[in-house]
Amino acid sequence: MSFHGSLVFLFVADLERSSVFYRSLGLDLLVDQGSCRIFGVGSTMMVGLCGGRVPSPDGVIFTLVTDRVEQVCAELAADGAVFEQSPRYSEQYDITHAFLRDPDGYLVEIQRFESSAGRQDRSES
């Protein structure tokens, strides 16, 4: 079996409000299906937002991986993002990460793997 990407769908109460939030994270709208919008995350992952449904954020963490955690978080904070946790190193997981919530309460993590074991694509600019 061979896959060439992945797509996660999140149910949102207000599709427009959530779309604005995910665009503010730098994600590009790839497909607008009316009640669902699919955004690109890097070259092999997508996140779909489906509106008009009751969000179910418990137990979901949507993680965006970047080598520039501190810079990305500073840029988002300058644009008004409020973080639940500022960038910090986790010895337990050997990562640097920060957390914020989207408009529906989904936990969004900005993360960097510190060891090469978790890194797949080092071509990020």
C-alpha atoms as a PDB file:
ATOM      1  CA  MET A   1       0.000   0.000   0.000  1.00  0.00           C
ATOM      2  CA  SER A   2       1.284   3.450  -0.813  1.00  0.00           C
ATOM      3  CA  PHE A   3      -0.232   6.786   0.143  1.00  0.00           C
ATOM      4  CA  HIS A   4       0.834  10.158  -1.192  1.00  0.00           C
ATOM      5  CA  GLY A   5      -0.730  12.401   1.460  1.00  0.00           C
ATOM      6  CA  SER A   6      -3.190  12.760   4.297  1.00  0.00           C
ATOM      7  CA  LEU A   7      -6.317  14.786   4.974  1.00  0.00           C
ATOM      8  CA  VAL A   8      -7.910  15.501   8.366  1.00  0.00           C
ATOM      9  CA  PHE A   9     -11.423  16.954   8.584  1.00  0.00           C
ATOM     10  CA  LEU A  10     -12.482  19.245  11.438  1.00  0.00           C
ATOM     11  CA  PHE A  11     -16.138  20.113  11.956  1.00  0.00           C
ATOM     12  CA  VAL A  12     -16.649  23.833  12.620  1.00  0.00           C
ATOM     13  CA  ALA A  13     -19.595  25.989  13.676  1.00  0.00           C
ATOM     14  CA  ASP A  14     -18.736  28.939  11.407  1.00  0.00           C
ATOM     15  CA  LEU A  15     -16.895  28.007   8.219  1.00  0.00           C
ATOM     16  CA  GLU A  16     -15.942  31.576   7.315  1.00  0.00           C
ATOM     17  CA  ARG A  17     -14.561  32.407  10.773  1.00  0.00           C
ATOM     18  CA  SER A  18     -12.530  29.199  10.866  1.00  0.00           C
ATOM     19  CA  SER A  19     -11.277  29.735   7.303  1.00  0.00           C
ATOM     20  CA  VAL A  20      -9.951  33.156   8.295  1.00  0.00           C
ATOM     21  CA  PHE A  21      -8.129  31.593  11.265  1.00  0.00           C
ATOM     22  CA  TYR A  22      -6.462  28.841   9.201  1.00  0.00           C
ATOM     23  CA  ARG A  23      -5.480  31.324   6.499  1.00  0.00           C
ATOM     24  CA  SER A  24      -3.846  33.409   9.258  1.00  0.00           C
ATOM     25  CA  LEU A  25      -1.677  30.356   9.987  1.00  0.00           C
ATOM     26  CA  GLY A  26      -0.420  30.564   6.403  1.00  0.00           C
ATOM     27  CA  LEU A  27      -2.428  27.664   4.984  1.00  0.00           C
ATOM     28  CA  ASP A  28      -3.556  27.937   1.366  1.00  0.00           C
ATOM     29  CA  LEU A  29      -7.116  27.179   0.303  1.00  0.00           C
ATOM     30  CA  LEU A  30      -6.903  24.304  -2.203  1.00  0.00           C
ATOM     31  CA  VAL A  31     -10.554  23.341  -2.723  1.00  0.00           C
ATOM     32  CA  ASP A  32     -13.806  25.080  -1.804  1.00  0.00           C
ATOM     33  CA  GLN A  33     -16.592  22.498  -1.833  1.00  0.00           C
ATOM     34  CA  GLY A  34     -19.206  24.851  -0.458  1.00  0.00           C
ATOM     35  CA  SER A  35     -19.838  23.322   2.958  1.00  0.00           C
ATOM     36  CA  CYS A  36     -16.210  22.115   3.260  1.00  0.00           C
ATOM     37  CA  ARG A  37     -12.938  23.871   2.474  1.00  0.00           C
ATOM     38  CA  ILE A  38      -9.647  22.038   2.116  1.00  0.00           C
ATOM     39  CA  PHE A  39      -6.374  23.781   2.987  1.00  0.00           C
ATOM     40  CA  GLY A  40      -2.870  22.643   2.104  1.00  0.00           C
ATOM     41  CA  VAL A  41      -0.301  21.970   4.818  1.00  0.00           C
ATOM     42  CA  GLY A  42       3.081  21.504   3.178  1.00  0.00           C
ATOM     43  CA  SER A  43       3.236  19.255   0.154  1.00  0.00           C
ATOM     44  CA  THR A  44       1.593  16.073   1.453  1.00  0.00           C
ATOM     45  CA  MET A  45      -1.033  16.997   4.043  1.00  0.00           C
ATOM     46  CA  MET A  46      -4.356  18.793   4.004  1.00  0.00           C
ATOM     47  CA  VAL A  47      -6.899  19.892   6.587  1.00  0.00           C
ATOM     48  CA  GLY A  48     -10.567  20.117   5.690  1.00  0.00           C
ATOM     49  CA  LEU A  49     -13.006  22.381   7.501  1.00  0.00           C
ATOM     50  CA  CYS A  50     -16.662  21.365   7.294  1.00  0.00           C
ATOM     51  CA  GLY A  51     -19.152  23.984   8.424  1.00  0.00           C
ATOM     52  CA  GLY A  52     -22.596  23.853   9.937  1.00  0.00           C
ATOM     53  CA  ARG A  53     -21.869  21.017  12.318  1.00  0.00           C
ATOM     54  CA  VAL A  54     -21.243  20.841  16.034  1.00  0.00           C
ATOM     55  CA  PRO A  55     -17.478  21.002  16.630  1.00  0.00           C
ATOM     56  CA  SER A  56     -15.974  18.152  18.612  1.00  0.00           C
ATOM     57  CA  PRO A  57     -12.525  19.390  19.662  1.00  0.00           C
ATOM     58  CA  ASP A  58     -11.944  17.112  22.676  1.00  0.00           C
ATOM     59  CA  GLY A  59      -9.042  14.774  22.096  1.00  0.00           C
ATOM     60  CA  VAL A  60      -7.907  16.439  18.855  1.00  0.00           C
ATOM     61  CA  ILE A  61      -4.545  18.168  18.433  1.00  0.00           C
ATOM     62  CA  PHE A  62      -3.805  19.571  14.984  1.00  0.00           C
ATOM     63  CA  THR A  63      -0.013  19.878  14.760  1.00  0.00           C
ATOM     64  CA  LEU A  64       1.874  22.020  12.273  1.00  0.00           C
ATOM     65  CA  VAL A  65       5.562  21.095  12.033  1.00  0.00           C
ATOM     66  CA  THR A  66       8.191  23.727  11.279  1.00  0.00           C
ATOM     67  CA  ASP A  67      11.841  24.347  12.087  1.00  0.00           C
ATOM     68  CA  ARG A  68      10.883  27.981  12.785  1.00  0.00           C
ATOM     69  CA  VAL A  69       8.634  27.540  15.850  1.00  0.00           C
ATOM     70  CA  GLU A  70       9.760  30.701  17.634  1.00  0.00           C
ATOM     71  CA  GLN A  71       9.581  32.881  14.513  1.00  0.00           C
ATOM     72  CA  VAL A  72       6.172  31.551  13.424  1.00  0.00           C
ATOM     73  CA  CYS A  73       4.759  32.075  16.910  1.00  0.00           C
ATOM     74  CA  ALA A  74       6.175  35.616  17.077  1.00  0.00           C
ATOM     75  CA  GLU A  75       4.568  36.415  13.703  1.00  0.00           C
ATOM     76  CA  LEU A  76       1.217  34.969  14.796  1.00  0.00           C
ATOM     77  CA  ALA A  77       1.344  36.830  18.126  1.00  0.00           C
ATOM     78  CA  ALA A  78       2.116  40.084  16.284  1.00  0.00           C
ATOM     79  CA  ASP A  79      -1.067  39.451  14.272  1.00  0.00           C
ATOM     80  CA  GLY A  80      -3.083  39.010  17.488  1.00  0.00           C
ATOM     81  CA  ALA A  81      -2.931  35.249  18.128  1.00  0.00           C
ATOM     82  CA  VAL A  82      -3.244  34.293  21.789  1.00  0.00           C
ATOM     83  CA  PHE A  83      -1.194  31.300  22.868  1.00  0.00           C
ATOM     84  CA  GLU A  84      -2.128  28.885  25.640  1.00  0.00           C
ATOM     85  CA  GLN A  85       1.545  27.959  25.808  1.00  0.00           C
ATOM     86  CA  SER A  86       4.422  29.943  24.347  1.00  0.00           C
ATOM     87  CA  PRO A  87       7.228  28.027  22.638  1.00  0.00           C
ATOM     88  CA  ARG A  88       9.071  25.766  25.035  1.00  0.00           C
ATOM     89  CA  TYR A  89      11.198  22.654  24.936  1.00  0.00           C
ATOM     90  CA  SER A  90       9.730  19.302  26.067  1.00  0.00           C
ATOM     91  CA  GLU A  91      12.461  16.977  27.280  1.00  0.00           C
ATOM     92  CA  GLN A  92       9.969  14.096  27.402  1.00  0.00           C
ATOM     93  CA  TYR A  93       9.270  14.282  23.653  1.00  0.00           C
ATOM     94  CA  ASP A  94      12.458  16.060  22.496  1.00  0.00           C
ATOM     95  CA  ILE A  95      10.425  18.750  20.748  1.00  0.00           C
ATOM     96  CA  THR A  96       9.942  22.502  20.954  1.00  0.00           C
ATOM     97  CA  HIS A  97       6.280  23.449  20.732  1.00  0.00           C
ATOM     98  CA  ALA A  98       3.561  25.997  21.439  1.00  0.00           C
ATOM     99  CA  PHE A  99      -0.235  25.766  21.652  1.00  0.00           C
ATOM    100  CA  LEU A 100      -3.171  27.953  20.658  1.00  0.00           C
ATOM    101  CA  ARG A 101      -6.854  27.240  19.976  1.00  0.00           C
ATOM    102  CA  ASP A 102      -8.828  27.789  16.820  1.00  0.00           C
ATOM    103  CA  PRO A 103     -12.263  29.487  16.960  1.00  0.00           C
ATOM    104  CA  ASP A 104     -14.008  26.162  17.667  1.00  0.00           C
ATOM    105  CA  GLY A 105     -11.674  25.122  20.474  1.00  0.00           C
ATOM    106  CA  TYR A 106      -9.455  22.717  18.542  1.00  0.00           C
ATOM    107  CA  LEU A 107      -5.945  22.664  19.988  1.00  0.00           C
ATOM    108  CA  VAL A 108      -3.373  23.761  17.395  1.00  0.00           C
ATOM    109  CA  GLU A 109       0.259  22.899  18.098  1.00  0.00           C
ATOM    110  CA  ILE A 110       3.233  24.517  16.372  1.00  0.00           C
ATOM    111  CA  GLN A 111       6.088  22.005  16.730  1.00  0.00           C
ATOM    112  CA  ARG A 112       9.722  21.294  15.874  1.00  0.00           C
ATOM    113  CA  PHE A 113      11.332  17.873  16.277  1.00  0.00           C
ATOM    114  CA  GLU A 114      14.722  18.430  17.885  1.00  0.00           C
ATOM    115  CA  SER A 115      16.211  15.091  16.838  1.00  0.00           C
ATOM    116  CA  SER A 116      16.431  13.945  13.247  1.00  0.00           C
ATOM    117  CA  ALA A 117      14.227  10.925  14.007  1.00  0.00           C
ATOM    118  CA  GLY A 118      11.003  12.960  13.687  1.00  0.00           C
ATOM    119  CA  ARG A 119      12.091  15.093  10.751  1.00  0.00           C
ATOM    120  CA  GLN A 120      11.065  13.993   7.282  1.00  0.00           C
ATOM    121  CA  ASP A 121      11.508  17.060   5.127  1.00  0.00           C
ATOM    122  CA  ARG A 122      14.425  19.377   5.779  1.00  0.00           C
ATOM    123  CA  SER A 123      13.841  21.478   2.652  1.00  0.00           C
ATOM    124  CA  GLU A 124      11.691  24.033   4.521  1.00  0.00           C
ATOM    125  CA  SER A 125      12.731  27.610   3.925  1.00  0.00           C
END
